[in-house]
């Protein structure tokens, strides 16, 4: 069963940048999209960005438009989330998952912590 492995989180000052990576452990055949989600303390997990596995169409939640960019890597089954102009409200654990339609796999990886603080 394909699993996502997230990396690239860390501590950054407001206005800074980070690039998150998601590597799939196996084939993404059958999945329509790859998505980045985040969950802040005390809040529900939210979908931040998606990219179609075929064609590369992207979508973003309004709060990150113009600041975050989701893209496919040159390595097979790798997806990045470039995050610029980070704000304190971007602090969360970020997760990657694979979607059929709009439904993610039921299991989640470890995620990667992003903390934006001065």
Protein backbone atom coordinates (compact mmCIF):
# COMPACT_ATOMS: atom_id res chain seq x y z
CA UNK A 1 0.00 0.00 0.00
CA UNK A 2 1.44 3.35 -1.03
CA UNK A 3 2.40 5.63 1.84
CA UNK A 4 3.37 9.32 1.88
CA UNK A 5 6.60 10.44 3.55
CA UNK A 6 6.71 14.14 4.40
CA UNK A 7 9.80 16.21 5.15
CA UNK A 8 11.14 19.74 5.12
CA UNK A 9 9.39 21.36 8.05
CA UNK A 10 11.10 23.53 10.62
CA UNK A 11 11.15 26.80 12.50
CA UNK A 12 11.10 29.96 10.41
CA UNK A 13 10.55 33.64 11.10
CA UNK A 14 7.50 35.47 9.75
CA UNK A 15 8.08 36.36 6.12
CA UNK A 16 10.41 33.43 5.62
CA UNK A 17 10.18 30.43 3.31
CA UNK A 18 10.20 26.66 3.52
CA UNK A 19 9.86 23.88 0.97
CA UNK A 20 8.08 20.71 2.02
CA UNK A 21 8.58 17.41 0.21
CA UNK A 22 6.25 14.46 -0.16
CA UNK A 23 7.55 11.18 -1.49
CA UNK A 24 5.18 8.34 -2.30
CA UNK A 25 6.48 4.90 -1.36
CA UNK A 26 4.87 3.30 -4.39
CA UNK A 27 2.76 3.80 -7.46
CA UNK A 28 0.10 6.50 -7.54
CA UNK A 29 -1.85 4.68 -10.21
CA UNK A 30 -5.54 5.18 -9.55
CA UNK A 31 -5.16 8.38 -7.54
CA UNK A 32 -6.44 11.55 -9.11
CA UNK A 33 -4.69 14.15 -6.96
CA UNK A 34 -1.97 14.69 -4.40
CA UNK A 35 -2.84 17.06 -1.61
CA UNK A 36 -1.12 18.95 1.17
CA UNK A 37 -3.13 19.34 4.35
CA UNK A 38 -2.36 21.03 7.64
CA UNK A 39 -3.62 20.78 11.18
CA UNK A 40 -3.01 23.53 13.70
CA UNK A 41 -3.36 22.91 17.45
CA UNK A 42 -7.00 22.74 18.43
CA UNK A 43 -8.21 22.96 14.85
CA UNK A 44 -9.48 20.55 12.26
CA UNK A 45 -7.25 19.37 9.46
CA UNK A 46 -7.68 21.50 6.35
CA UNK A 47 -6.80 20.98 2.73
CA UNK A 48 -4.21 23.55 1.65
CA UNK A 49 -3.33 22.65 -1.93
CA UNK A 50 -3.81 19.91 -4.51
CA UNK A 51 -2.22 18.94 -7.79
CA UNK A 52 -3.69 16.55 -10.32
CA UNK A 53 -1.53 13.50 -10.98
CA UNK A 54 -2.29 13.84 -14.69
CA UNK A 55 -2.09 17.29 -16.21
CA UNK A 56 -0.87 19.08 -13.11
CA UNK A 57 -3.88 21.32 -12.45
CA UNK A 58 -3.47 22.98 -9.04
CA UNK A 59 -5.86 24.38 -6.47
CA UNK A 60 -5.28 26.30 -3.24
CA UNK A 61 -7.21 27.35 -0.20
CA UNK A 62 -7.80 31.10 -0.29
CA UNK A 63 -5.54 31.86 2.67
CA UNK A 64 -2.39 30.61 0.89
CA UNK A 65 -3.02 31.79 -2.68
CA UNK A 66 -0.09 33.79 -3.98
CA UNK A 67 2.20 32.51 -1.21
CA UNK A 68 2.26 28.71 -1.59
CA UNK A 69 3.03 26.70 -4.71
CA UNK A 70 2.46 22.97 -5.13
CA UNK A 71 4.48 21.24 -7.82
CA UNK A 72 5.67 17.84 -8.99
CA UNK A 73 9.31 17.01 -8.60
CA UNK A 74 11.64 15.51 -11.18
CA UNK A 75 11.90 12.40 -9.03
CA UNK A 76 9.03 10.05 -9.65
CA UNK A 77 6.11 10.36 -7.27
CA UNK A 78 7.50 13.40 -5.45
CA UNK A 79 5.52 16.56 -4.78
CA UNK A 80 6.68 19.81 -3.20
CA UNK A 81 4.98 22.62 -1.37
CA UNK A 82 6.93 25.86 -1.64
CA UNK A 83 5.79 28.20 1.10
CA UNK A 84 6.75 31.87 0.94
CA UNK A 85 5.89 34.88 3.09
CA UNK A 86 5.00 32.59 5.96
CA UNK A 87 2.74 33.89 8.71
CA UNK A 88 2.21 32.78 12.28
CA UNK A 89 -1.17 31.35 11.27
CA UNK A 90 0.62 28.92 8.94
CA UNK A 91 1.99 27.12 12.00
CA UNK A 92 0.72 23.54 11.85
CA UNK A 93 1.64 19.97 11.15
CA UNK A 94 1.60 19.51 7.39
CA UNK A 95 0.53 16.24 5.85
CA UNK A 96 0.58 14.85 2.35
CA UNK A 97 -2.02 12.42 1.06
CA UNK A 98 -3.33 10.96 -2.15
CA UNK A 99 -6.89 11.46 -3.28
CA UNK A 100 -9.43 9.63 -5.37
CA UNK A 101 -11.74 12.38 -6.45
CA UNK A 102 -11.86 14.58 -3.37
CA UNK A 103 -11.43 11.77 -0.86
CA UNK A 104 -8.00 11.19 0.71
CA UNK A 105 -6.69 7.79 1.77
CA UNK A 106 -8.01 6.96 5.24
CA UNK A 107 -4.55 6.64 6.80
CA UNK A 108 -2.10 9.47 7.30
CA UNK A 109 1.66 9.76 7.56
CA UNK A 110 3.63 11.37 10.37
CA UNK A 111 3.48 14.82 8.86
CA UNK A 112 6.09 17.52 9.22
CA UNK A 113 5.94 20.37 11.73
CA UNK A 114 6.06 23.95 10.47
CA UNK A 115 6.45 26.65 13.10
CA UNK A 116 6.41 30.33 12.15
CA UNK A 117 7.62 32.48 15.01
CA UNK A 118 9.98 35.32 15.75
